[in-house]
C-alpha atoms as a PDB file:
ATOM      1  CA  UNK A   1     -13.970  -8.417   3.362  1.00  0.00           C
ATOM      2  CA  UNK A   2     -12.067 -10.987   4.166  1.00  0.00           C
ATOM      3  CA  UNK A   3     -13.102 -13.512   7.542  1.00  0.00           C
ATOM      4  CA  UNK A   4      -9.984 -13.603   9.131  1.00  0.00           C
ATOM      5  CA  UNK A   5     -10.019 -17.816   8.918  1.00  0.00           C
ATOM      6  CA  UNK A   6     -10.229 -17.425   5.529  1.00  0.00           C
ATOM      7  CA  UNK A   7      -7.708 -20.290   3.671  1.00  0.00           C
ATOM      8  CA  UNK A   8      -5.917 -17.474   0.956  1.00  0.00           C
ATOM      9  CA  UNK A   9      -4.002 -18.720  -2.330  1.00  0.00           C
ATOM     10  CA  UNK A  10      -1.895 -15.755  -3.822  1.00  0.00           C
ATOM     11  CA  UNK A  11      -1.648 -16.009  -7.349  1.00  0.00           C
ATOM     12  CA  UNK A  12       1.726 -14.545  -8.521  1.00  0.00           C
ATOM     13  CA  UNK A  13       2.861 -16.023 -11.731  1.00  0.00           C
ATOM     14  CA  UNK A  14       6.368 -14.486 -12.941  1.00  0.00           C
ATOM     15  CA  UNK A  15       6.052 -11.460 -10.785  1.00  0.00           C
ATOM     16  CA  UNK A  16       7.232 -12.537  -7.120  1.00  0.00           C
ATOM     17  CA  UNK A  17      10.119 -11.123  -7.457  1.00  0.00           C
ATOM     18  CA  UNK A  18       8.889  -7.840  -9.724  1.00  0.00           C
ATOM     19  CA  UNK A  19       7.700  -4.468  -8.995  1.00  0.00           C
ATOM     20  CA  UNK A  20       3.918  -5.272 -10.008  1.00  0.00           C
ATOM     21  CA  UNK A  21       3.943  -8.268  -7.431  1.00  0.00           C
ATOM     22  CA  UNK A  22       3.867  -5.575  -4.433  1.00  0.00           C
ATOM     23  CA  UNK A  23      -0.419  -6.771  -4.381  1.00  0.00           C
ATOM     24  CA  UNK A  24       0.616 -10.060  -3.405  1.00  0.00           C
ATOM     25  CA  UNK A  25       3.658  -9.034  -1.272  1.00  0.00           C
ATOM     26  CA  UNK A  26       1.510  -6.787   0.953  1.00  0.00           C
ATOM     27  CA  UNK A  27      -0.513  -9.710   0.701  1.00  0.00           C
ATOM     28  CA  UNK A  28       1.826 -12.125   1.761  1.00  0.00           C
ATOM     29  CA  UNK A  29       3.476 -10.067   4.958  1.00  0.00           C
ATOM     30  CA  UNK A  30       0.579  -7.652   6.347  1.00  0.00           C
ATOM     31  CA  UNK A  31      -2.560 -10.380   5.464  1.00  0.00           C
ATOM     32  CA  UNK A  32      -3.614 -11.955   8.476  1.00  0.00           C
ATOM     33  CA  UNK A  33      -5.126 -14.449   7.242  1.00  0.00           C
ATOM     34  CA  UNK A  34      -3.476 -18.255   6.788  1.00  0.00           C
ATOM     35  CA  UNK A  35      -1.805 -18.174   3.240  1.00  0.00           C
ATOM     36  CA  UNK A  36      -1.337 -22.021   1.924  1.00  0.00           C
ATOM     37  CA  UNK A  37       0.626 -20.737  -1.130  1.00  0.00           C
ATOM     38  CA  UNK A  38       1.711 -18.506  -3.496  1.00  0.00           C
ATOM     39  CA  UNK A  39       1.338 -20.034  -6.574  1.00  0.00           C
ATOM     40  CA  UNK A  40       4.047 -19.220  -9.231  1.00  0.00           C
ATOM     41  CA  UNK A  41       4.585 -22.584 -11.706  1.00  0.00           C
ATOM     42  CA  UNK A  42       8.342 -21.128 -12.228  1.00  0.00           C
ATOM     43  CA  UNK A  43       9.106 -20.999  -9.341  1.00  0.00           C
ATOM     44  CA  UNK A  44       7.465 -24.048  -7.427  1.00  0.00           C
ATOM     45  CA  UNK A  45       9.184 -26.189  -4.678  1.00  0.00           C
ATOM     46  CA  UNK A  46      10.249 -22.578  -3.308  1.00  0.00           C
ATOM     47  CA  UNK A  47       9.695 -20.168  -0.218  1.00  0.00           C
ATOM     48  CA  UNK A  48       7.553 -17.284  -0.439  1.00  0.00           C
ATOM     49  CA  UNK A  49      10.526 -15.683   1.698  1.00  0.00           C
ATOM     50  CA  UNK A  50      12.952 -16.642  -0.241  1.00  0.00           C
ATOM     51  CA  UNK A  51      11.832 -13.571  -2.582  1.00  0.00           C
ATOM     52  CA  UNK A  52       9.789 -11.175  -0.789  1.00  0.00           C
ATOM     53  CA  UNK A  53      10.697  -9.926   3.035  1.00  0.00           C
ATOM     54  CA  UNK A  54       8.422 -12.030   5.118  1.00  0.00           C
ATOM     55  CA  UNK A  55       8.628 -14.362   8.178  1.00  0.00           C
ATOM     56  CA  UNK A  56       5.844 -16.586   7.167  1.00  0.00           C
ATOM     57  CA  UNK A  57       6.527 -20.579   6.172  1.00  0.00           C
ATOM     58  CA  UNK A  58       4.312 -20.444   2.959  1.00  0.00           C
ATOM     59  CA  UNK A  59       5.420 -22.391  -0.117  1.00  0.00           C
ATOM     60  CA  UNK A  60       5.375 -21.522  -3.855  1.00  0.00           C
ATOM     61  CA  UNK A  61       3.038 -23.777  -6.007  1.00  0.00           C
ATOM     62  CA  UNK A  62       2.874 -24.462  -9.355  1.00  0.00           C
ATOM     63  CA  UNK A  63      -1.071 -23.885  -9.936  1.00  0.00           C
ATOM     64  CA  UNK A  64      -3.850 -23.718  -8.729  1.00  0.00           C
ATOM     65  CA  UNK A  65      -5.049 -27.115  -7.768  1.00  0.00           C
ATOM     66  CA  UNK A  66      -2.548 -27.712  -5.580  1.00  0.00           C
ATOM     67  CA  UNK A  67      -3.275 -24.551  -3.740  1.00  0.00           C
ATOM     68  CA  UNK A  68      -7.556 -26.103  -3.313  1.00  0.00           C
ATOM     69  CA  UNK A  69      -5.256 -29.584  -2.295  1.00  0.00           C
ATOM     70  CA  UNK A  70      -3.932 -27.584   0.809  1.00  0.00           C
ATOM     71  CA  UNK A  71      -7.161 -25.907   1.350  1.00  0.00           C
ATOM     72  CA  UNK A  72      -7.540 -22.551   0.010  1.00  0.00           C
ATOM     73  CA  UNK A  73     -11.144 -20.721   0.151  1.00  0.00           C
ATOM     74  CA  UNK A  74     -10.152 -17.476  -1.364  1.00  0.00           C
ATOM     75  CA  UNK A  75      -7.638 -16.439  -4.366  1.00  0.00           C
ATOM     76  CA  UNK A  76      -6.053 -13.000  -4.459  1.00  0.00           C
ATOM     77  CA  UNK A  77      -4.900 -11.401  -7.360  1.00  0.00           C
ATOM     78  CA  UNK A  78      -0.946 -10.354  -6.307  1.00  0.00           C
ATOM     79  CA  UNK A  79      -0.278  -8.904  -9.360  1.00  0.00           C
ATOM     80  CA  UNK A  80      -0.412  -5.446 -10.701  1.00  0.00           C
ATOM     81  CA  UNK A  81       0.038  -4.671 -14.308  1.00  0.00           C
ATOM     82  CA  UNK A  82       0.816  -1.197 -15.566  1.00  0.00           C
ATOM     83  CA  UNK A  83      -2.776   0.239 -16.130  1.00  0.00           C
ATOM     84  CA  UNK A  84      -4.406  -1.843 -14.088  1.00  0.00           C
ATOM     85  CA  UNK A  85      -5.995  -4.296 -16.617  1.00  0.00           C
ATOM     86  CA  UNK A  86      -6.353  -8.145 -16.864  1.00  0.00           C
ATOM     87  CA  UNK A  87      -3.866  -9.798 -19.206  1.00  0.00           C
ATOM     88  CA  UNK A  88      -6.707 -12.398 -20.888  1.00  0.00           C
ATOM     89  CA  UNK A  89      -3.692 -15.782 -19.533  1.00  0.00           C
ATOM     90  CA  UNK A  90      -5.242 -15.070 -16.086  1.00  0.00           C
ATOM     91  CA  UNK A  91      -8.475 -15.873 -17.482  1.00  0.00           C
ATOM     92  CA  UNK A  92      -8.176 -19.593 -17.095  1.00  0.00           C
ATOM     93  CA  UNK A  93      -6.923 -19.685 -13.987  1.00  0.00           C
ATOM     94  CA  UNK A  94      -9.960 -16.952 -12.495  1.00  0.00           C
ATOM     95  CA  UNK A  95     -12.415 -19.572 -14.260  1.00  0.00           C
ATOM     96  CA  UNK A  96     -11.063 -22.420 -11.974  1.00  0.00           C
ATOM     97  CA  UNK A  97     -11.346 -20.792  -8.658  1.00  0.00           C
ATOM     98  CA  UNK A  98     -14.505 -19.469  -9.829  1.00  0.00           C
ATOM     99  CA  UNK A  99     -16.048 -22.941 -11.344  1.00  0.00           C
ATOM    100  CA  UNK A 100     -14.112 -24.605  -7.826  1.00  0.00           C
ATOM    101  CA  UNK A 101     -16.368 -22.680  -5.640  1.00  0.00           C
ATOM    102  CA  UNK A 102     -13.236 -20.007  -4.098  1.00  0.00           C
ATOM    103  CA  UNK A 103     -13.942 -16.524  -3.868  1.00  0.00           C
ATOM    104  CA  UNK A 104     -11.415 -14.057  -5.812  1.00  0.00           C
ATOM    105  CA  UNK A 105     -10.048 -10.877  -4.558  1.00  0.00           C
ATOM    106  CA  UNK A 106      -9.586  -8.354  -7.322  1.00  0.00           C
ATOM    107  CA  UNK A 107      -7.517  -5.139  -6.868  1.00  0.00           C
ATOM    108  CA  UNK A 108      -7.544  -4.040 -10.484  1.00  0.00           C
ATOM    109  CA  UNK A 109      -9.421  -1.482 -11.993  1.00  0.00           C
ATOM    110  CA  UNK A 110     -11.070  -3.916 -14.494  1.00  0.00           C
ATOM    111  CA  UNK A 111     -13.965  -5.520 -12.689  1.00  0.00           C
ATOM    112  CA  UNK A 112     -14.487  -9.047 -12.179  1.00  0.00           C
ATOM    113  CA  UNK A 113     -18.345  -9.164 -11.214  1.00  0.00           C
ATOM    114  CA  UNK A 114     -18.896  -7.466 -14.552  1.00  0.00           C
ATOM    115  CA  UNK A 115     -17.466 -10.484 -16.446  1.00  0.00           C
ATOM    116  CA  UNK A 116     -17.707 -13.772 -13.804  1.00  0.00           C
ATOM    117  CA  UNK A 117     -20.707 -12.728 -11.866  1.00  0.00           C
ATOM    118  CA  UNK A 118     -22.911 -15.151 -12.720  1.00  0.00           C
ATOM    119  CA  UNK A 119     -20.020 -17.932 -12.772  1.00  0.00           C
ATOM    120  CA  UNK A 120     -20.745 -17.393  -8.627  1.00  0.00           C
ATOM    121  CA  UNK A 121     -21.393 -21.233  -7.910  1.00  0.00           C
ATOM    122  CA  UNK A 122     -22.648 -20.272  -4.198  1.00  0.00           C
ATOM    123  CA  UNK A 123     -23.946 -17.040  -3.606  1.00  0.00           C
ATOM    124  CA  UNK A 124     -24.188 -18.191   0.048  1.00  0.00           C
ATOM    125  CA  UNK A 125     -20.417 -18.933   0.317  1.00  0.00           C
ATOM    126  CA  UNK A 126     -18.734 -17.536  -2.827  1.00  0.00           C
ATOM    127  CA  UNK A 127     -18.050 -13.884  -3.600  1.00  0.00           C
ATOM    128  CA  UNK A 128     -16.130 -11.785  -5.957  1.00  0.00           C
ATOM    129  CA  UNK A 129     -14.381  -8.655  -4.092  1.00  0.00           C
ATOM    130  CA  UNK A 130     -13.260  -6.193  -6.515  1.00  0.00           C
ATOM    131  CA  UNK A 131     -11.188  -3.969  -4.343  1.00  0.00           C
ATOM    132  CA  UNK A 132     -11.479  -0.904  -6.640  1.00  0.00           C
ATOM    133  CA  UNK A 133     -14.918  -0.041  -6.998  1.00  0.00           C
ATOM    134  CA  UNK A 134     -15.612   3.110  -4.445  1.00  0.00           C
ATOM    135  CA  UNK A 135     -18.362   2.642  -2.000  1.00  0.00           C
ATOM    136  CA  UNK A 136     -19.653   5.985  -1.657  1.00  0.00           C
ATOM    137  CA  UNK A 137     -19.870   9.247  -3.278  1.00  0.00           C
ATOM    138  CA  UNK A 138     -18.497  12.070  -0.740  1.00  0.00           C
ATOM    139  CA  UNK A 139     -19.320  15.715  -0.410  1.00  0.00           C
ATOM    140  CA  UNK A 140     -17.194  18.265  -1.827  1.00  0.00           C
ATOM    141  CA  UNK A 141     -13.665  18.246   0.737  1.00  0.00           C
ATOM    142  CA  UNK A 142     -13.663  21.531   3.233  1.00  0.00           C
ATOM    143  CA  UNK A 143     -10.847  21.070   5.158  1.00  0.00           C
ATOM    144  CA  UNK A 144     -12.204  19.585   8.259  1.00  0.00           C
ATOM    145  CA  UNK A 145      -9.430  17.289   8.833  1.00  0.00           C
ATOM    146  CA  UNK A 146      -7.777  20.708  10.130  1.00  0.00           C
ATOM    147  CA  UNK A 147      -9.759  20.997  13.107  1.00  0.00           C
ATOM    148  CA  UNK A 148      -9.069  17.468  14.818  1.00  0.00           C
ATOM    149  CA  UNK A 149      -6.993  17.218  17.826  1.00  0.00           C
ATOM    150  CA  UNK A 150      -5.063  14.196  16.654  1.00  0.00           C
ATOM    151  CA  UNK A 151      -1.798  14.243  15.410  1.00  0.00           C
ATOM    152  CA  UNK A 152      -2.110  12.725  11.615  1.00  0.00           C
ATOM    153  CA  UNK A 153       0.367  11.418   9.606  1.00  0.00           C
ATOM    154  CA  UNK A 154       1.006  11.491   5.874  1.00  0.00           C
ATOM    155  CA  UNK A 155       3.384   8.958   3.379  1.00  0.00           C
ATOM    156  CA  UNK A 156       4.648  11.353   0.016  1.00  0.00           C
ATOM    157  CA  UNK A 157       6.967   9.847  -1.776  1.00  0.00           C
ATOM    158  CA  UNK A 158      10.108  10.431  -4.649  1.00  0.00           C
ATOM    159  CA  UNK A 159       7.962   8.405  -6.847  1.00  0.00           C
ATOM    160  CA  UNK A 160       5.377   5.580  -7.449  1.00  0.00           C
ATOM    161  CA  UNK A 161       6.265   2.310  -5.388  1.00  0.00           C
ATOM    162  CA  UNK A 162       8.830   3.371  -3.186  1.00  0.00           C
ATOM    163  CA  UNK A 163       6.909   1.384  -0.470  1.00  0.00           C
ATOM    164  CA  UNK A 164       4.768   4.039   1.275  1.00  0.00           C
ATOM    165  CA  UNK A 165       2.518   1.414   1.880  1.00  0.00           C
ATOM    166  CA  UNK A 166       5.104  -1.036   3.510  1.00  0.00           C
ATOM    167  CA  UNK A 167       5.787   1.769   5.725  1.00  0.00           C
ATOM    168  CA  UNK A 168       2.562   2.591   6.835  1.00  0.00           C
ATOM    169  CA  UNK A 169       1.687  -0.598   7.151  1.00  0.00           C
ATOM    170  CA  UNK A 170       5.297  -0.622   9.226  1.00  0.00           C
ATOM    171  CA  UNK A 171       4.333   1.841  11.008  1.00  0.00           C
ATOM    172  CA  UNK A 172       1.101   1.055  12.186  1.00  0.00           C
ATOM    173  CA  UNK A 173       2.144  -2.889  13.591  1.00  0.00           C
ATOM    174  CA  UNK A 174       4.878  -0.914  15.147  1.00  0.00           C
ATOM    175  CA  UNK A 175       1.716   1.182  17.190  1.00  0.00           C
ATOM    176  CA  UNK A 176      -0.391  -1.997  17.301  1.00  0.00           C
ATOM    177  CA  UNK A 177       2.100  -3.911  19.086  1.00  0.00           C
ATOM    178  CA  UNK A 178       2.872  -0.965  21.750  1.00  0.00           C
ATOM    179  CA  UNK A 179      -1.207  -0.852  22.284  1.00  0.00           C
ATOM    180  CA  UNK A 180      -1.385   3.209  20.787  1.00  0.00           C
ATOM    181  CA  UNK A 181      -4.813   4.250  20.102  1.00  0.00           C
ATOM    182  CA  UNK A 182      -4.056   4.299  16.397  1.00  0.00           C
ATOM    183  CA  UNK A 183      -6.029   4.672  12.831  1.00  0.00           C
ATOM    184  CA  UNK A 184      -4.935   3.846   9.823  1.00  0.00           C
ATOM    185  CA  UNK A 185      -6.665   5.393   6.196  1.00  0.00           C
ATOM    186  CA  UNK A 186      -6.032   3.030   3.240  1.00  0.00           C
ATOM    187  CA  UNK A 187      -6.526   4.598   0.338  1.00  0.00           C
ATOM    188  CA  UNK A 188      -4.923   1.756  -2.391  1.00  0.00           C
ATOM    189  CA  UNK A 189      -5.992  -1.859  -2.956  1.00  0.00           C
ATOM    190  CA  UNK A 190      -3.434  -3.425  -0.608  1.00  0.00           C
ATOM    191  CA  UNK A 191      -4.518  -1.379   2.033  1.00  0.00           C
ATOM    192  CA  UNK A 192      -7.628  -1.767   1.766  1.00  0.00           C
ATOM    193  CA  UNK A 193      -7.300  -5.579   1.112  1.00  0.00           C
ATOM    194  CA  UNK A 194      -5.573  -5.952   4.604  1.00  0.00           C
ATOM    195  CA  UNK A 195      -7.540  -3.984   6.655  1.00  0.00           C
ATOM    196  CA  UNK A 196     -10.677  -4.392   5.291  1.00  0.00           C
ATOM    197  CA  UNK A 197     -11.734  -1.241   4.917  1.00  0.00           C
ATOM    198  CA  UNK A 198     -10.697   1.681   2.868  1.00  0.00           C
ATOM    199  CA  UNK A 199     -10.939   3.732  -0.548  1.00  0.00           C
ATOM    200  CA  UNK A 200      -9.749   3.138  -3.891  1.00  0.00           C
ATOM    201  CA  UNK A 201      -8.669   6.769  -4.419  1.00  0.00           C
ATOM    202  CA  UNK A 202      -7.410   6.429  -7.972  1.00  0.00           C
ATOM    203  CA  UNK A 203     -11.023   5.234  -8.802  1.00  0.00           C
ATOM    204  CA  UNK A 204     -12.680   8.405  -7.338  1.00  0.00           C
ATOM    205  CA  UNK A 205     -13.496  11.345  -9.838  1.00  0.00           C
ATOM    206  CA  UNK A 206     -10.806  13.953  -9.289  1.00  0.00           C
ATOM    207  CA  UNK A 207     -13.176  16.177  -8.140  1.00  0.00           C
ATOM    208  CA  UNK A 208     -14.392  13.627  -5.611  1.00  0.00           C
ATOM    209  CA  UNK A 209     -10.766  12.471  -4.095  1.00  0.00           C
ATOM    210  CA  UNK A 210     -10.356  15.037  -1.659  1.00  0.00           C
ATOM    211  CA  UNK A 211     -14.154  14.739  -0.159  1.00  0.00           C
ATOM    212  CA  UNK A 212     -13.193  10.948  -0.023  1.00  0.00           C
ATOM    213  CA  UNK A 213     -10.126  10.925   1.844  1.00  0.00           C
ATOM    214  CA  UNK A 214     -11.518  14.097   4.364  1.00  0.00           C
ATOM    215  CA  UNK A 215     -14.297  11.679   5.316  1.00  0.00           C
ATOM    216  CA  UNK A 216     -12.490   8.681   6.062  1.00  0.00           C
ATOM    217  CA  UNK A 217      -9.882  11.140   8.174  1.00  0.00           C
ATOM    218  CA  UNK A 218     -12.862  12.270  10.346  1.00  0.00           C
ATOM    219  CA  UNK A 219     -14.466   8.968  11.275  1.00  0.00           C
ATOM    220  CA  UNK A 220     -10.757   8.445  13.090  1.00  0.00           C
ATOM    221  CA  UNK A 221     -11.357  11.417  14.983  1.00  0.00           C
ATOM    222  CA  UNK A 222     -11.039   9.672  18.501  1.00  0.00           C
ATOM    223  CA  UNK A 223      -7.620   8.051  17.213  1.00  0.00           C
ATOM    224  CA  UNK A 224      -4.985   9.842  19.106  1.00  0.00           C
ATOM    225  CA  UNK A 225      -2.373   8.897  15.386  1.00  0.00           C
ATOM    226  CA  UNK A 226      -3.565   8.527  11.882  1.00  0.00           C
ATOM    227  CA  UNK A 227      -1.899   6.880   9.220  1.00  0.00           C
ATOM    228  CA  UNK A 228      -2.829   7.982   5.721  1.00  0.00           C
ATOM    229  CA  UNK A 229      -1.230   5.383   3.499  1.00  0.00           C
ATOM    230  CA  UNK A 230       0.312   7.548   0.746  1.00  0.00           C
ATOM    231  CA  UNK A 231      -0.277   7.154  -3.241  1.00  0.00           C
ATOM    232  CA  UNK A 232       1.803   8.484  -5.989  1.00  0.00           C
ATOM    233  CA  UNK A 233       4.517  11.122  -6.158  1.00  0.00           C
ATOM    234  CA  UNK A 234       4.419  15.446  -6.845  1.00  0.00           C
ATOM    235  CA  UNK A 235       6.887  14.574  -8.612  1.00  0.00           C
ATOM    236  CA  UNK A 236       5.181  11.887 -10.946  1.00  0.00           C
ATOM    237  CA  UNK A 237       3.502  13.147 -14.471  1.00  0.00           C
ATOM    238  CA  UNK A 238       1.097  10.546 -14.000  1.00  0.00           C
ATOM    239  CA  UNK A 239       0.531  11.215 -10.808  1.00  0.00           C
ATOM    240  CA  UNK A 240      -2.408  12.948  -9.461  1.00  0.00           C
ATOM    241  CA  UNK A 241      -2.888  11.372  -5.892  1.00  0.00           C
ATOM    242  CA  UNK A 242      -0.855  13.288  -3.464  1.00  0.00           C
ATOM    243  CA  UNK A 243      -2.965  16.411  -3.567  1.00  0.00           C
ATOM    244  CA  UNK A 244      -5.740  14.631  -2.921  1.00  0.00           C
ATOM    245  CA  UNK A 245      -4.471  13.018   0.323  1.00  0.00           C
ATOM    246  CA  UNK A 246      -2.679  16.233   1.708  1.00  0.00           C
ATOM    247  CA  UNK A 247      -6.096  18.489   1.489  1.00  0.00           C
ATOM    248  CA  UNK A 248      -8.222  15.717   3.098  1.00  0.00           C
ATOM    249  CA  UNK A 249      -6.157  14.511   5.818  1.00  0.00           C
ATOM    250  CA  UNK A 250      -4.452  17.920   6.454  1.00  0.00           C
ATOM    251  CA  UNK A 251      -1.590  16.556   7.871  1.00  0.00           C
ATOM    252  CA  UNK A 252       0.321  17.177  10.612  1.00  0.00           C
ATOM    253  CA  UNK A 253       3.390  14.987  10.139  1.00  0.00           C
ATOM    254  CA  UNK A 254       4.940  13.688   6.419  1.00  0.00           C
ATOM    255  CA  UNK A 255       7.201  10.781   6.394  1.00  0.00           C
ATOM    256  CA  UNK A 256       8.989  11.252   2.800  1.00  0.00           C
ATOM    257  CA  UNK A 257       9.371   7.787   1.060  1.00  0.00           C
ATOM    258  CA  UNK A 258      12.054   6.607  -1.404  1.00  0.00           C
ATOM    259  CA  UNK A 259      14.143   3.922  -2.886  1.00  0.00           C
ATOM    260  CA  UNK A 260      18.101   4.434  -2.131  1.00  0.00           C
ATOM    261  CA  UNK A 261      19.473   3.209  -5.669  1.00  0.00           C
ATOM    262  CA  UNK A 262      17.210   5.604  -7.830  1.00  0.00           C
ATOM    263  CA  UNK A 263      18.602   9.026  -9.219  1.00  0.00           C
ATOM    264  CA  UNK A 264      15.348   8.992 -11.813  1.00  0.00           C
ATOM    265  CA  UNK A 265      12.067   7.910 -11.741  1.00  0.00           C
ATOM    266  CA  UNK A 266      11.602   4.064 -12.556  1.00  0.00           C
ATOM    267  CA  UNK A 267       9.947   4.848 -15.702  1.00  0.00           C
ATOM    268  CA  UNK A 268      10.231   7.894 -16.988  1.00  0.00           C
ATOM    269  CA  UNK A 269      13.538   7.776 -16.216  1.00  0.00           C
ATOM    270  CA  UNK A 270      14.288  11.332 -17.944  1.00  0.00           C
ATOM    271  CA  UNK A 271      12.773  12.278 -15.170  1.00  0.00           C
ATOM    272  CA  UNK A 272      15.768  12.951 -12.476  1.00  0.00           C
ATOM    273  CA  UNK A 273      15.104  13.249  -8.899  1.00  0.00           C
ATOM    274  CA  UNK A 274      15.697  16.806  -7.130  1.00  0.00           C
ATOM    275  CA  UNK A 275      17.322  17.670  -4.533  1.00  0.00           C
ATOM    276  CA  UNK A 276      15.779  16.033  -1.913  1.00  0.00           C
ATOM    277  CA  UNK A 277      16.132  19.235   0.739  1.00  0.00           C
ATOM    278  CA  UNK A 278      14.327  21.263  -1.798  1.00  0.00           C
ATOM    279  CA  UNK A 279      11.841  18.595  -2.580  1.00  0.00           C
ATOM    280  CA  UNK A 280      11.119  18.130   1.204  1.00  0.00           C
ATOM    281  CA  UNK A 281      10.183  21.772   0.935  1.00  0.00           C
ATOM    282  CA  UNK A 282       8.445  21.654  -1.867  1.00  0.00           C
ATOM    283  CA  UNK A 283       6.101  18.875  -0.312  1.00  0.00           C
ATOM    284  CA  UNK A 284       6.071  21.154   2.777  1.00  0.00           C
ATOM    285  CA  UNK A 285       4.735  24.501   0.759  1.00  0.00           C
ATOM    286  CA  UNK A 286       1.937  22.636  -0.863  1.00  0.00           C
ATOM    287  CA  UNK A 287       0.589  20.562   2.656  1.00  0.00           C
ATOM    288  CA  UNK A 288       0.318  24.496   4.002  1.00  0.00           C
ATOM    289  CA  UNK A 289       0.061  27.009   1.098  1.00  0.00           C
ATOM    290  CA  UNK A 290       1.894  29.400   3.449  1.00  0.00           C
ATOM    291  CA  UNK A 291      -0.430  28.776   6.413  1.00  0.00           C
ATOM    292  CA  UNK A 292      -3.628  28.822   4.536  1.00  0.00           C
ATOM    293  CA  UNK A 293      -3.619  24.827   5.879  1.00  0.00           C
ATOM    294  CA  UNK A 294      -2.174  23.777   9.011  1.00  0.00           C
ATOM    295  CA  UNK A 295       1.647  23.757   8.973  1.00  0.00           C
ATOM    296  CA  UNK A 296       3.075  19.817   8.227  1.00  0.00           C
ATOM    297  CA  UNK A 297       6.615  19.053   8.200  1.00  0.00           C
ATOM    298  CA  UNK A 298       8.666  16.105   6.868  1.00  0.00           C
ATOM    299  CA  UNK A 299       9.741  14.181   9.848  1.00  0.00           C
ATOM    300  CA  UNK A 300      11.486  11.452   9.187  1.00  0.00           C
ATOM    301  CA  UNK A 301      12.356   9.574   6.045  1.00  0.00           C
ATOM    302  CA  UNK A 302      11.748   5.709   5.145  1.00  0.00           C
ATOM    303  CA  UNK A 303      14.333   4.524   2.937  1.00  0.00           C
ATOM    304  CA  UNK A 304      13.648   1.385   0.629  1.00  0.00           C
ATOM    305  CA  UNK A 305      17.170  -0.161   0.401  1.00  0.00           C
ATOM    306  CA  UNK A 306      16.559  -3.481  -0.643  1.00  0.00           C
ATOM    307  CA  UNK A 307      18.912  -3.521  -3.371  1.00  0.00           C
ATOM    308  CA  UNK A 308      22.046  -2.529  -1.052  1.00  0.00           C
ATOM    309  CA  UNK A 309      23.600  -4.732   1.091  1.00  0.00           C
ATOM    310  CA  UNK A 310      22.928  -4.382   5.197  1.00  0.00           C
ATOM    311  CA  UNK A 311      26.381  -2.633   5.444  1.00  0.00           C
ATOM    312  CA  UNK A 312      25.773  -0.234   2.272  1.00  0.00           C
ATOM    313  CA  UNK A 313      22.098   0.050   4.168  1.00  0.00           C
ATOM    314  CA  UNK A 314      23.957   1.695   7.220  1.00  0.00           C
ATOM    315  CA  UNK A 315      26.115   3.876   5.422  1.00  0.00           C
ATOM    316  CA  UNK A 316      23.108   5.447   3.108  1.00  0.00           C
ATOM    317  CA  UNK A 317      20.783   5.770   5.921  1.00  0.00           C
ATOM    318  CA  UNK A 318      23.915   7.465   7.946  1.00  0.00           C
ATOM    319  CA  UNK A 319      24.741   9.808   5.307  1.00  0.00           C
ATOM    320  CA  UNK A 320      21.498  11.169   4.384  1.00  0.00           C
ATOM    321  CA  UNK A 321      20.408  11.647   8.030  1.00  0.00           C
ATOM    322  CA  UNK A 322      23.829  13.510   8.372  1.00  0.00           C
ATOM    323  CA  UNK A 323      22.268  15.686   5.098  1.00  0.00           C
ATOM    324  CA  UNK A 324      19.003  16.454   5.987  1.00  0.00           C
ATOM    325  CA  UNK A 325      19.588  16.112   9.959  1.00  0.00           C
ATOM    326  CA  UNK A 326      16.715  13.689  10.027  1.00  0.00           C
ATOM    327  CA  UNK A 327      16.073  10.275  10.923  1.00  0.00           C
ATOM    328  CA  UNK A 328      16.214   7.840   8.620  1.00  0.00           C
ATOM    329  CA  UNK A 329      15.584   4.050   8.393  1.00  0.00           C
ATOM    330  CA  UNK A 330      14.557   1.486   6.417  1.00  0.00           C
ATOM    331  CA  UNK A 331      10.921  -0.001   7.572  1.00  0.00           C
ATOM    332  CA  UNK A 332      12.244  -3.588   6.475  1.00  0.00           C
ATOM    333  CA  UNK A 333      15.775  -3.641   7.834  1.00  0.00           C
ATOM    334  CA  UNK A 334      15.722  -2.107  10.882  1.00  0.00           C
ATOM    335  CA  UNK A 335      11.905  -1.135  11.565  1.00  0.00           C
ATOM    336  CA  UNK A 336       9.726   2.525  12.322  1.00  0.00           C
ATOM    337  CA  UNK A 337      10.577   2.904  15.969  1.00  0.00           C
ATOM    338  CA  UNK A 338      12.946   5.406  14.826  1.00  0.00           C
ATOM    339  CA  UNK A 339       9.701   7.592  13.411  1.00  0.00           C
ATOM    340  CA  UNK A 340       7.616   6.890  15.857  1.00  0.00           C
ATOM    341  CA  UNK A 341       9.754   8.165  18.347  1.00  0.00           C
ATOM    342  CA  UNK A 342       9.663  11.569  16.594  1.00  0.00           C
ATOM    343  CA  UNK A 343       5.739  11.126  16.025  1.00  0.00           C
ATOM    344  CA  UNK A 344       5.911  10.686  20.087  1.00  0.00           C
ATOM    345  CA  UNK A 345       7.415  14.079  20.764  1.00  0.00           C
END
């Protein structure tokens, strides 16, 4: 877990404005630590807020050396390549960081500690945090979360990388600002890095995944509202994450997340996104299984409209609200109050 005073450099070479840069974007937007710079030599000299939604004044730097000169103490690998593998081209940057006394946060499946653990110069102050290492072996889930009295909000999606983490953290931030008794269950590398705790869901064995979610949700039983970070999609052929999240958390509310411009999955593009009303019904049915588990309803939609103009975004949201008869918002452009108000009913 990061110390709140640790000064951060975020490595995002060539991926500041790509989907694979979501780790770095999430860290820049939500991590409370001071961030001295984002490293990307192709965009050096610009500001991070020119390429990602943040109000923070963070420079884009050409090298790790520049970040160290600005006081960087921790390097965060801010890119998530397909498959979670660390490219060989990153090795010189990682080696330089460790040799110069920086700690490193790694959210990928490839473990830095296995390869670079012996490179630590000062074990009392320097460390490697491989975020995707499970910290416990859970018991098999037993639907105990269904007995809790709080509200449990699970974020589901039409695809991967549609904004489930972003919408969840935006809602969490809204409740914190309004001093609500709120909990957050991080299930991916960004949420864990930002909040300092959680489960790397995709690193657990399938038989253990539901139990891991259940354990984390039960630990939040004293919270009035618990936000569960979503992963994957029931629609995606490469995703197994949604069902363990449903079973482990026994959610009381669902929030559907989507990218407004997409009619198909990002990849494979031959899979079309079905009618949203039917897709909502499918997810609700999977949650409850005809009343076997608690009834859970989609109570709102978080739409990523980043490729639209603001006028196009407003028009899209209005049309979708009319079609679904549900509140719809873009969490970054318009916030999550509209959905929070429905949760409070």
